[in-house]
Amino acid sequence: RLHSTNMADAKKVCSSIGFTCFAAFLFRICLIAYG
């Protein structure tokens, strides 16, 4: 049950707009460094 709850919480976090924006920003910063 704990594992199921943790998985659900992880999915919820990953599908949140805050996490999405942070991941998108971080990915772009990595591209700037590559550039």
Full PDB file with SEQRES, HELIX, SHEET, SSBOND, CRYST1, ORIGX, SCALE, CONECT and MASTER records, all heavy atoms in Angstrom:
SEQRES   1 A   35  ARG LEU HIS SER THR ASN MET ALA ASP ALA LYS LYS VAL          
SEQRES   2 A   35  CYS SER SER ILE GLY PHE THR CYS PHE ALA ALA PHE LEU          
SEQRES   3 A   35  PHE ARG ILE CYS LEU ILE ALA TYR GLY                          
HELIX    1 AA1 LEU A    2  CYS A   14  1                                  13    
HELIX    2 AA2 ILE A   17  TYR A   34  1                                  18    
CRYST1    1.000    1.000    1.000  90.00  90.00  90.00 P 1           1          
ORIGX1      1.000000  0.000000  0.000000        0.00000                         
ORIGX2      0.000000  1.000000  0.000000        0.00000                         
ORIGX3      0.000000  0.000000  1.000000        0.00000                         
SCALE1      1.000000  0.000000  0.000000        0.00000                         
SCALE2      0.000000  1.000000  0.000000        0.00000                         
SCALE3      0.000000  0.000000  1.000000        0.00000                         
ATOM      1  N   ARG A   1       0.828  -1.209   0.000  1.00  0.00           N  
ATOM      2  CA  ARG A   1       0.000   0.000   0.000  1.00  0.00           C  
ATOM      3  C   ARG A   1       0.859   1.255   0.000  1.00  0.00           C  
ATOM      4  O   ARG A   1       0.554   2.235  -0.673  1.00  0.00           O  
ATOM      5  CB  ARG A   1      -0.934  -0.012   1.207  1.00  0.00           C  
ATOM      6  CG  ARG A   1      -2.104  -0.995   1.085  1.00  0.00           C  
ATOM      7  CD  ARG A   1      -3.145  -0.732   2.140  1.00  0.00           C  
ATOM      8  NE  ARG A   1      -2.636  -0.983   3.472  1.00  0.00           N  
ATOM      9  CZ  ARG A   1      -2.660  -2.159   4.082  1.00  0.00           C  
ATOM     10  NH1 ARG A   1      -3.157  -3.216   3.447  1.00  0.00           N  
ATOM     11  NH2 ARG A   1      -2.186  -2.295   5.300  1.00  0.00           N  
ATOM     12  N   LEU A   2       1.950   1.220   0.775  1.00  0.00           N  
ATOM     13  CA  LEU A   2       2.857   2.360   0.802  1.00  0.00           C  
ATOM     14  C   LEU A   2       3.494   2.588  -0.561  1.00  0.00           C  
ATOM     15  O   LEU A   2       3.638   3.730  -1.024  1.00  0.00           O  
ATOM     16  CB  LEU A   2       3.949   2.150   1.862  1.00  0.00           C  
ATOM     17  CG  LEU A   2       3.514   2.298   3.321  1.00  0.00           C  
ATOM     18  CD1 LEU A   2       4.652   1.888   4.252  1.00  0.00           C  
ATOM     19  CD2 LEU A   2       3.099   3.742   3.610  1.00  0.00           C  
ATOM     20  N   HIS A   3       3.895   1.451  -1.190  1.00  0.00           N  
ATOM     21  CA  HIS A   3       4.496   1.555  -2.527  1.00  0.00           C  
ATOM     22  C   HIS A   3       3.500   2.136  -3.522  1.00  0.00           C  
ATOM     23  O   HIS A   3       3.847   3.001  -4.337  1.00  0.00           O  
ATOM     24  CB  HIS A   3       4.949   0.166  -2.992  1.00  0.00           C  
ATOM     25  CG  HIS A   3       5.527   0.156  -4.374  1.00  0.00           C  
ATOM     26  ND1 HIS A   3       6.763   0.694  -4.664  1.00  0.00           N  
ATOM     27  CD2 HIS A   3       5.024  -0.310  -5.561  1.00  0.00           C  
ATOM     28  CE1 HIS A   3       7.016   0.552  -5.945  1.00  0.00           C  
ATOM     29  NE2 HIS A   3       5.978  -0.049  -6.515  1.00  0.00           N  
ATOM     30  N   SER A   4       2.237   1.662  -3.435  1.00  0.00           N  
ATOM     31  CA  SER A   4       1.195   2.175  -4.329  1.00  0.00           C  
ATOM     32  C   SER A   4       0.949   3.653  -4.088  1.00  0.00           C  
ATOM     33  O   SER A   4       0.803   4.436  -5.029  1.00  0.00           O  
ATOM     34  CB  SER A   4      -0.090   1.376  -4.122  1.00  0.00           C  
ATOM     35  OG  SER A   4      -1.134   1.878  -4.931  1.00  0.00           O  
ATOM     36  N   THR A   5       0.929   4.024  -2.801  1.00  0.00           N  
ATOM     37  CA  THR A   5       0.719   5.445  -2.453  1.00  0.00           C  
ATOM     38  C   THR A   5       1.869   6.294  -2.952  1.00  0.00           C  
ATOM     39  O   THR A   5       1.674   7.385  -3.501  1.00  0.00           O  
ATOM     40  CB  THR A   5       0.574   5.599  -0.935  1.00  0.00           C  
ATOM     41  OG1 THR A   5      -0.528   4.812  -0.490  1.00  0.00           O  
ATOM     42  CG2 THR A   5       0.333   7.060  -0.557  1.00  0.00           C  
ATOM     43  N   ASN A   6       3.111   5.795  -2.771  1.00  0.00           N  
ATOM     44  CA  ASN A   6       4.285   6.548  -3.224  1.00  0.00           C  
ATOM     45  C   ASN A   6       4.288   6.710  -4.743  1.00  0.00           C  
ATOM     46  O   ASN A   6       4.658   7.772  -5.261  1.00  0.00           O  
ATOM     47  CB  ASN A   6       5.566   5.841  -2.780  1.00  0.00           C  
ATOM     48  CG  ASN A   6       5.771   5.906  -1.281  1.00  0.00           C  
ATOM     49  OD1 ASN A   6       5.252   6.820  -0.626  1.00  0.00           O  
ATOM     50  ND2 ASN A   6       6.515   4.958  -0.718  1.00  0.00           N  
ATOM     51  N   MET A   7       3.891   5.634  -5.444  1.00  0.00           N  
ATOM     52  CA  MET A   7       3.821   5.705  -6.901  1.00  0.00           C  
ATOM     53  C   MET A   7       2.783   6.730  -7.339  1.00  0.00           C  
ATOM     54  O   MET A   7       3.009   7.515  -8.267  1.00  0.00           O  
ATOM     55  CB  MET A   7       3.481   4.335  -7.481  1.00  0.00           C  
ATOM     56  CG  MET A   7       4.607   3.319  -7.395  1.00  0.00           C  
ATOM     57  SD  MET A   7       6.015   3.765  -8.446  1.00  0.00           S  
ATOM     58  CE  MET A   7       5.281   3.522 -10.067  1.00  0.00           C  
ATOM     59  N   ALA A   8       1.630   6.721  -6.671  1.00  0.00           N  
ATOM     60  CA  ALA A   8       0.575   7.676  -7.004  1.00  0.00           C  
ATOM     61  C   ALA A   8       1.029   9.100  -6.737  1.00  0.00           C  
ATOM     62  O   ALA A   8       0.782  10.014  -7.531  1.00  0.00           O  
ATOM     63  CB  ALA A   8      -0.687   7.358  -6.208  1.00  0.00           C  
ATOM     64  N   ASP A   9       1.725   9.292  -5.586  1.00  0.00           N  
ATOM     65  CA  ASP A   9       2.230  10.633  -5.256  1.00  0.00           C  
ATOM     66  C   ASP A   9       3.267  11.082  -6.271  1.00  0.00           C  
ATOM     67  O   ASP A   9       3.303  12.256  -6.666  1.00  0.00           O  
ATOM     68  CB  ASP A   9       2.847  10.631  -3.856  1.00  0.00           C  
ATOM     69  CG  ASP A   9       1.793  10.483  -2.758  1.00  0.00           C  
ATOM     70  OD1 ASP A   9       0.603  10.722  -3.062  1.00  0.00           O  
ATOM     71  OD2 ASP A   9       2.164  10.115  -1.628  1.00  0.00           O  
ATOM     72  N   ALA A  10       4.136  10.129  -6.703  1.00  0.00           N  
ATOM     73  CA  ALA A  10       5.166  10.469  -7.698  1.00  0.00           C  
ATOM     74  C   ALA A  10       4.527  10.879  -9.020  1.00  0.00           C  
ATOM     75  O   ALA A  10       4.948  11.847  -9.657  1.00  0.00           O  
ATOM     76  CB  ALA A  10       6.097   9.279  -7.901  1.00  0.00           C  
ATOM     77  N   LYS A  11       3.497  10.107  -9.429  1.00  0.00           N  
ATOM     78  CA  LYS A  11       2.801  10.448 -10.673  1.00  0.00           C  
ATOM     79  C   LYS A  11       2.127  11.802 -10.563  1.00  0.00           C  
ATOM     80  O   LYS A  11       2.113  12.588 -11.513  1.00  0.00           O  
ATOM     81  CB  LYS A  11       1.773   9.370 -11.007  1.00  0.00           C  
ATOM     82  CG  LYS A  11       2.377   8.054 -11.472  1.00  0.00           C  
ATOM     83  CD  LYS A  11       1.295   7.044 -11.803  1.00  0.00           C  
ATOM     84  CE  LYS A  11       1.906   5.726 -12.281  1.00  0.00           C  
ATOM     85  NZ  LYS A  11       0.843   4.721 -12.594  1.00  0.00           N  
ATOM     86  N   LYS A  12       1.567  12.074  -9.379  1.00  0.00           N  
ATOM     87  CA  LYS A  12       0.887  13.350  -9.172  1.00  0.00           C  
ATOM     88  C   LYS A  12       1.862  14.513  -9.263  1.00  0.00           C  
ATOM     89  O   LYS A  12       1.573  15.544  -9.866  1.00  0.00           O  
ATOM     90  CB  LYS A  12       0.189  13.351  -7.813  1.00  0.00           C  
ATOM     91  CG  LYS A  12      -0.680  14.571  -7.564  1.00  0.00           C  
ATOM     92  CD  LYS A  12      -1.428  14.452  -6.251  1.00  0.00           C  
ATOM     93  CE  LYS A  12      -2.315  15.682  -6.027  1.00  0.00           C  
ATOM     94  NZ  LYS A  12      -3.047  15.597  -4.747  1.00  0.00           N  
ATOM     95  N   VAL A  13       3.039  14.312  -8.646  1.00  0.00           N  
ATOM     96  CA  VAL A  13       4.066  15.359  -8.696  1.00  0.00           C  
ATOM     97  C   VAL A  13       4.537  15.576 -10.127  1.00  0.00           C  
ATOM     98  O   VAL A  13       4.653  16.710 -10.607  1.00  0.00           O  
ATOM     99  CB  VAL A  13       5.252  14.995  -7.783  1.00  0.00           C  
ATOM    100  CG1 VAL A  13       6.421  15.948  -8.028  1.00  0.00           C  
ATOM    101  CG2 VAL A  13       4.834  15.052  -6.323  1.00  0.00           C  
ATOM    102  N   CYS A  14       4.806  14.462 -10.835  1.00  0.00           N  
ATOM    103  CA  CYS A  14       5.326  14.556 -12.207  1.00  0.00           C  
ATOM    104  C   CYS A  14       4.317  15.187 -13.154  1.00  0.00           C  
ATOM    105  O   CYS A  14       4.699  15.762 -14.175  1.00  0.00           O  
ATOM    106  CB  CYS A  14       5.720  13.179 -12.713  1.00  0.00           C  
ATOM    107  SG  CYS A  14       7.183  12.500 -11.883  1.00  0.00           S  
ATOM    108  N   SER A  15       3.024  15.028 -12.843  1.00  0.00           N  
ATOM    109  CA  SER A  15       1.994  15.591 -13.715  1.00  0.00           C  
ATOM    110  C   SER A  15       1.545  16.973 -13.273  1.00  0.00           C  
ATOM    111  O   SER A  15       0.615  17.533 -13.850  1.00  0.00           O  
ATOM    112  CB  SER A  15       0.775  14.651 -13.759  1.00  0.00           C  
ATOM    113  OG  SER A  15       0.180  14.550 -12.468  1.00  0.00           O  
ATOM    114  N   SER A  16       2.195  17.545 -12.255  1.00  0.00           N  
ATOM    115  CA  SER A  16       1.837  18.883 -11.793  1.00  0.00           C  
ATOM    116  C   SER A  16       2.472  19.928 -12.687  1.00  0.00           C  
ATOM    117  O   SER A  16       3.533  19.704 -13.285  1.00  0.00           O  
ATOM    118  CB  SER A  16       2.285  19.090 -10.342  1.00  0.00           C  
ATOM    119  OG  SER A  16       3.702  19.140 -10.277  1.00  0.00           O  
ATOM    120  N   ILE A  17       1.858  21.092 -12.760  1.00  0.00           N  
ATOM    121  CA  ILE A  17       2.372  22.156 -13.625  1.00  0.00           C  
ATOM    122  C   ILE A  17       3.686  22.711 -13.081  1.00  0.00           C  
ATOM    123  O   ILE A  17       4.575  23.099 -13.839  1.00  0.00           O  
ATOM    124  CB  ILE A  17       1.320  23.277 -13.802  1.00  0.00           C  
ATOM    125  CG1 ILE A  17       1.788  24.283 -14.853  1.00  0.00           C  
ATOM    126  CG2 ILE A  17       1.029  23.951 -12.475  1.00  0.00           C  
ATOM    127  CD1 ILE A  17       1.993  23.700 -16.228  1.00  0.00           C  
ATOM    128  N   GLY A  18       3.833  22.703 -11.741  1.00  0.00           N  
ATOM    129  CA  GLY A  18       5.076  23.202 -11.154  1.00  0.00           C  
ATOM    130  C   GLY A  18       6.270  22.354 -11.548  1.00  0.00           C  
ATOM    131  O   GLY A  18       7.312  22.878 -11.968  1.00  0.00           O  
ATOM    132  N   PHE A  19       6.129  21.031 -11.420  1.00  0.00           N  
ATOM    133  CA  PHE A  19       7.205  20.115 -11.809  1.00  0.00           C  
ATOM    134  C   PHE A  19       7.474  20.217 -13.307  1.00  0.00           C  
ATOM    135  O   PHE A  19       8.628  20.189 -13.743  1.00  0.00           O  
ATOM    136  CB  PHE A  19       6.834  18.676 -11.435  1.00  0.00           C  
ATOM    137  CG  PHE A  19       7.873  17.666 -11.825  1.00  0.00           C  
ATOM    138  CD1 PHE A  19       8.964  17.420 -11.015  1.00  0.00           C  
ATOM    139  CD2 PHE A  19       7.757  16.974 -13.032  1.00  0.00           C  
ATOM    140  CE1 PHE A  19       9.934  16.489 -11.391  1.00  0.00           C  
ATOM    141  CE2 PHE A  19       8.727  16.044 -13.406  1.00  0.00           C  
ATOM    142  CZ  PHE A  19       9.820  15.808 -12.577  1.00  0.00           C  
ATOM    143  N   THR A  20       6.407  20.315 -14.101  1.00  0.00           N  
ATOM    144  CA  THR A  20       6.549  20.414 -15.556  1.00  0.00           C  
ATOM    145  C   THR A  20       7.358  21.643 -15.942  1.00  0.00           C  
ATOM    146  O   THR A  20       8.281  21.562 -16.763  1.00  0.00           O  
ATOM    147  CB  THR A  20       5.162  20.466 -16.225  1.00  0.00           C  
ATOM    148  OG1 THR A  20       4.472  19.237 -15.978  1.00  0.00           O  
ATOM    149  CG2 THR A  20       5.289  20.680 -17.723  1.00  0.00           C  
ATOM    150  N   CYS A  21       7.025  22.776 -15.361  1.00  0.00           N  
ATOM    151  CA  CYS A  21       7.741  24.025 -15.677  1.00  0.00           C  
ATOM    152  C   CYS A  21       9.197  23.942 -15.225  1.00  0.00           C  
ATOM    153  O   CYS A  21      10.101  24.411 -15.939  1.00  0.00           O  
ATOM    154  CB  CYS A  21       7.042  25.211 -15.018  1.00  0.00           C  
ATOM    155  SG  CYS A  21       5.444  25.636 -15.749  1.00  0.00           S  
ATOM    156  N   PHE A  22       9.426  23.351 -14.046  1.00  0.00           N  
ATOM    157  CA  PHE A  22      10.795  23.220 -13.554  1.00  0.00           C  
ATOM    158  C   PHE A  22      11.621  22.324 -14.470  1.00  0.00           C  
ATOM    159  O   PHE A  22      12.763  22.640 -14.815  1.00  0.00           O  
ATOM    160  CB  PHE A  22      10.788  22.660 -12.127  1.00  0.00           C  
ATOM    161  CG  PHE A  22      12.161  22.383 -11.586  1.00  0.00           C  
ATOM    162  CD1 PHE A  22      12.981  23.425 -11.172  1.00  0.00           C  
ATOM    163  CD2 PHE A  22      12.640  21.081 -11.509  1.00  0.00           C  
ATOM    164  CE1 PHE A  22      14.263  23.179 -10.677  1.00  0.00           C  
ATOM    165  CE2 PHE A  22      13.915  20.818 -11.021  1.00  0.00           C  
ATOM    166  CZ  PHE A  22      14.725  21.873 -10.606  1.00  0.00           C  
ATOM    167  N   ALA A  23      11.036  21.187 -14.868  1.00  0.00           N  
ATOM    168  CA  ALA A  23      11.749  20.257 -15.755  1.00  0.00           C  
ATOM    169  C   ALA A  23      12.037  20.903 -17.110  1.00  0.00           C  
ATOM    170  O   ALA A  23      13.132  20.747 -17.664  1.00  0.00           O  
ATOM    171  CB  ALA A  23      10.921  18.983 -15.936  1.00  0.00           C  
ATOM    172  N   ALA A  24      11.057  21.644 -17.632  1.00  0.00           N  
ATOM    173  CA  ALA A  24      11.244  22.319 -18.922  1.00  0.00           C  
ATOM    174  C   ALA A  24      12.335  23.373 -18.831  1.00  0.00           C  
ATOM    175  O   ALA A  24      13.166  23.516 -19.741  1.00  0.00           O  
ATOM    176  CB  ALA A  24       9.930  22.949 -19.367  1.00  0.00           C  
ATOM    177  N   PHE A  25      12.362  24.115 -17.718  1.00  0.00           N  
ATOM    178  CA  PHE A  25      13.391  25.138 -17.515  1.00  0.00           C  
ATOM    179  C   PHE A  25      14.774  24.497 -17.417  1.00  0.00           C  
ATOM    180  O   PHE A  25      15.737  24.957 -18.045  1.00  0.00           O  
ATOM    181  CB  PHE A  25      13.082  25.940 -16.250  1.00  0.00           C  
ATOM    182  CG  PHE A  25      14.125  26.955 -15.891  1.00  0.00           C  
ATOM    183  CD1 PHE A  25      14.209  28.152 -16.584  1.00  0.00           C  
ATOM    184  CD2 PHE A  25      15.049  26.704 -14.877  1.00  0.00           C  
ATOM    185  CE1 PHE A  25      15.182  29.105 -16.272  1.00  0.00           C  
ATOM    186  CE2 PHE A  25      16.017  27.635 -14.557  1.00  0.00           C  
ATOM    187  CZ  PHE A  25      16.086  28.840 -15.255  1.00  0.00           C  
ATOM    188  N   LEU A  26      14.877  23.429 -16.621  1.00  0.00           N  
ATOM    189  CA  LEU A  26      16.163  22.748 -16.431  1.00  0.00           C  
ATOM    190  C   LEU A  26      16.685  22.186 -17.749  1.00  0.00           C  
ATOM    191  O   LEU A  26      17.882  22.279 -18.057  1.00  0.00           O  
ATOM    192  CB  LEU A  26      16.002  21.631 -15.400  1.00  0.00           C  
ATOM    193  CG  LEU A  26      17.287  20.988 -14.881  1.00  0.00           C  
ATOM    194  CD1 LEU A  26      18.154  22.023 -14.177  1.00  0.00           C  
ATOM    195  CD2 LEU A  26      16.954  19.847 -13.922  1.00  0.00           C  
ATOM    196  N   PHE A  27      15.792  21.601 -18.533  1.00  0.00           N  
ATOM    197  CA  PHE A  27      16.180  21.045 -19.828  1.00  0.00           C  
ATOM    198  C   PHE A  27      16.731  22.135 -20.738  1.00  0.00           C  
ATOM    199  O   PHE A  27      17.740  21.952 -21.440  1.00  0.00           O  
ATOM    200  CB  PHE A  27      14.975  20.363 -20.462  1.00  0.00           C  
ATOM    201  CG  PHE A  27      15.290  19.563 -21.701  1.00  0.00           C  
ATOM    202  CD1 PHE A  27      16.532  18.973 -21.873  1.00  0.00           C  
ATOM    203  CD2 PHE A  27      14.334  19.393 -22.691  1.00  0.00           C  
ATOM    204  CE1 PHE A  27      16.824  18.222 -23.005  1.00  0.00           C  
ATOM    205  CE2 PHE A  27      14.612  18.653 -23.832  1.00  0.00           C  
ATOM    206  CZ  PHE A  27      15.858  18.064 -23.987  1.00  0.00           C  
ATOM    207  N   ARG A  28      16.097  23.289 -20.724  1.00  0.00           N  
ATOM    208  CA  ARG A  28      16.549  24.405 -21.551  1.00  0.00           C  
ATOM    209  C   ARG A  28      17.893  24.956 -21.088  1.00  0.00           C  
ATOM    210  O   ARG A  28      18.736  25.342 -21.909  1.00  0.00           O  
ATOM    211  CB  ARG A  28      15.491  25.518 -21.553  1.00  0.00           C  
ATOM    212  CG  ARG A  28      14.288  25.201 -22.437  1.00  0.00           C  
ATOM    213  CD  ARG A  28      13.091  26.096 -22.093  1.00  0.00           C  
ATOM    214  NE  ARG A  28      12.051  26.003 -23.105  1.00  0.00           N  
ATOM    215  CZ  ARG A  28      11.201  24.988 -23.225  1.00  0.00           C  
ATOM    216  NH1 ARG A  28      11.283  23.969 -22.365  1.00  0.00           N  
ATOM    217  NH2 ARG A  28      10.280  24.988 -24.167  1.00  0.00           N  
ATOM    218  N   ILE A  29      18.101  24.987 -19.786  1.00  0.00           N  
ATOM    219  CA  ILE A  29      19.396  25.440 -19.268  1.00  0.00           C  
ATOM    220  C   ILE A  29      20.508  24.498 -19.738  1.00  0.00           C  
ATOM    221  O   ILE A  29      21.608  24.932 -20.106  1.00  0.00           O  
ATOM    222  CB  ILE A  29      19.372  25.517 -17.733  1.00  0.00           C  
ATOM    223  CG1 ILE A  29      18.408  26.628 -17.280  1.00  0.00           C  
ATOM    224  CG2 ILE A  29      20.766  25.768 -17.179  1.00  0.00           C  
ATOM    225  CD1 ILE A  29      18.787  28.020 -17.751  1.00  0.00           C  
ATOM    226  N   CYS A  30      20.219  23.202 -19.745  1.00  0.00           N  
ATOM    227  CA  CYS A  30      21.199  22.232 -20.244  1.00  0.00           C  
ATOM    228  C   CYS A  30      21.504  22.474 -21.727  1.00  0.00           C  
ATOM    229  O   CYS A  30      22.659  22.364 -22.167  1.00  0.00           O  
ATOM    230  CB  CYS A  30      20.680  20.812 -20.046  1.00  0.00           C  
ATOM    231  SG  CYS A  30      20.585  20.289 -18.311  1.00  0.00           S  
ATOM    232  N   LEU A  31      20.495  22.823 -22.503  1.00  0.00           N  
ATOM    233  CA  LEU A  31      20.712  23.115 -23.917  1.00  0.00           C  
ATOM    234  C   LEU A  31      21.542  24.375 -24.109  1.00  0.00           C  
ATOM    235  O   LEU A  31      22.362  24.456 -25.028  1.00  0.00           O  
ATOM    236  CB  LEU A  31      19.362  23.256 -24.635  1.00  0.00           C  
ATOM    237  CG  LEU A  31      18.700  21.963 -25.113  1.00  0.00           C  
ATOM    238  CD1 LEU A  31      17.367  22.268 -25.789  1.00  0.00           C  
ATOM    239  CD2 LEU A  31      19.609  21.216 -26.091  1.00  0.00           C  
ATOM    240  N   ILE A  32      21.327  25.374 -23.259  1.00  0.00           N  
ATOM    241  CA  ILE A  32      22.142  26.592 -23.331  1.00  0.00           C  
ATOM    242  C   ILE A  32      23.609  26.249 -23.074  1.00  0.00           C  
ATOM    243  O   ILE A  32      24.512  26.722 -23.778  1.00  0.00           O  
ATOM    244  CB  ILE A  32      21.644  27.646 -22.318  1.00  0.00           C  
ATOM    245  CG1 ILE A  32      20.278  28.186 -22.742  1.00  0.00           C  
ATOM    246  CG2 ILE A  32      22.648  28.797 -22.206  1.00  0.00           C  
ATOM    247  CD1 ILE A  32      19.665  29.149 -21.748  1.00  0.00           C  
ATOM    248  N   ALA A  33      23.839  25.406 -22.054  1.00  0.00           N  
ATOM    249  CA  ALA A  33      25.216  24.981 -21.745  1.00  0.00           C  
ATOM    250  C   ALA A  33      25.822  24.223 -22.916  1.00  0.00           C  
ATOM    251  O   ALA A  33      26.993  24.438 -23.280  1.00  0.00           O  
ATOM    252  CB  ALA A  33      25.216  24.122 -20.485  1.00  0.00           C  
ATOM    253  N   TYR A  34      25.026  23.328 -23.526  1.00  0.00           N  
ATOM    254  CA  TYR A  34      25.524  22.609 -24.701  1.00  0.00           C  
ATOM    255  C   TYR A  34      25.822  23.581 -25.836  1.00  0.00           C  
ATOM    256  O   TYR A  34      26.827  23.424 -26.545  1.00  0.00           O  
ATOM    257  CB  TYR A  34      24.497  21.581 -25.164  1.00  0.00           C  
ATOM    258  CG  TYR A  34      24.791  21.081 -26.562  1.00  0.00           C  
ATOM    259  CD1 TYR A  34      25.794  20.146 -26.784  1.00  0.00           C  
ATOM    260  CD2 TYR A  34      24.096  21.585 -27.667  1.00  0.00           C  
ATOM    261  CE1 TYR A  34      26.093  19.710 -28.073  1.00  0.00           C  
ATOM    262  CE2 TYR A  34      24.380  21.159 -28.951  1.00  0.00           C  
ATOM    263  CZ  TYR A  34      25.384  20.225 -29.149  1.00  0.00           C  
ATOM    264  OH  TYR A  34      25.690  19.813 -30.419  1.00  0.00           O  
ATOM    265  N   GLY A  35      24.964  24.562 -26.020  1.00  0.00           N  
ATOM    266  CA  GLY A  35      25.168  25.539 -27.082  1.00  0.00           C  
ATOM    267  C   GLY A  35      26.469  26.304 -26.919  1.00  0.00           C  
ATOM    268  O   GLY A  35      27.160  26.598 -27.917  1.00  0.00           O  
TER     269      GLY A  35                                                      
MASTER        0    0    0    2    0    0    0    6  268    1    0    3          
END                                                                             
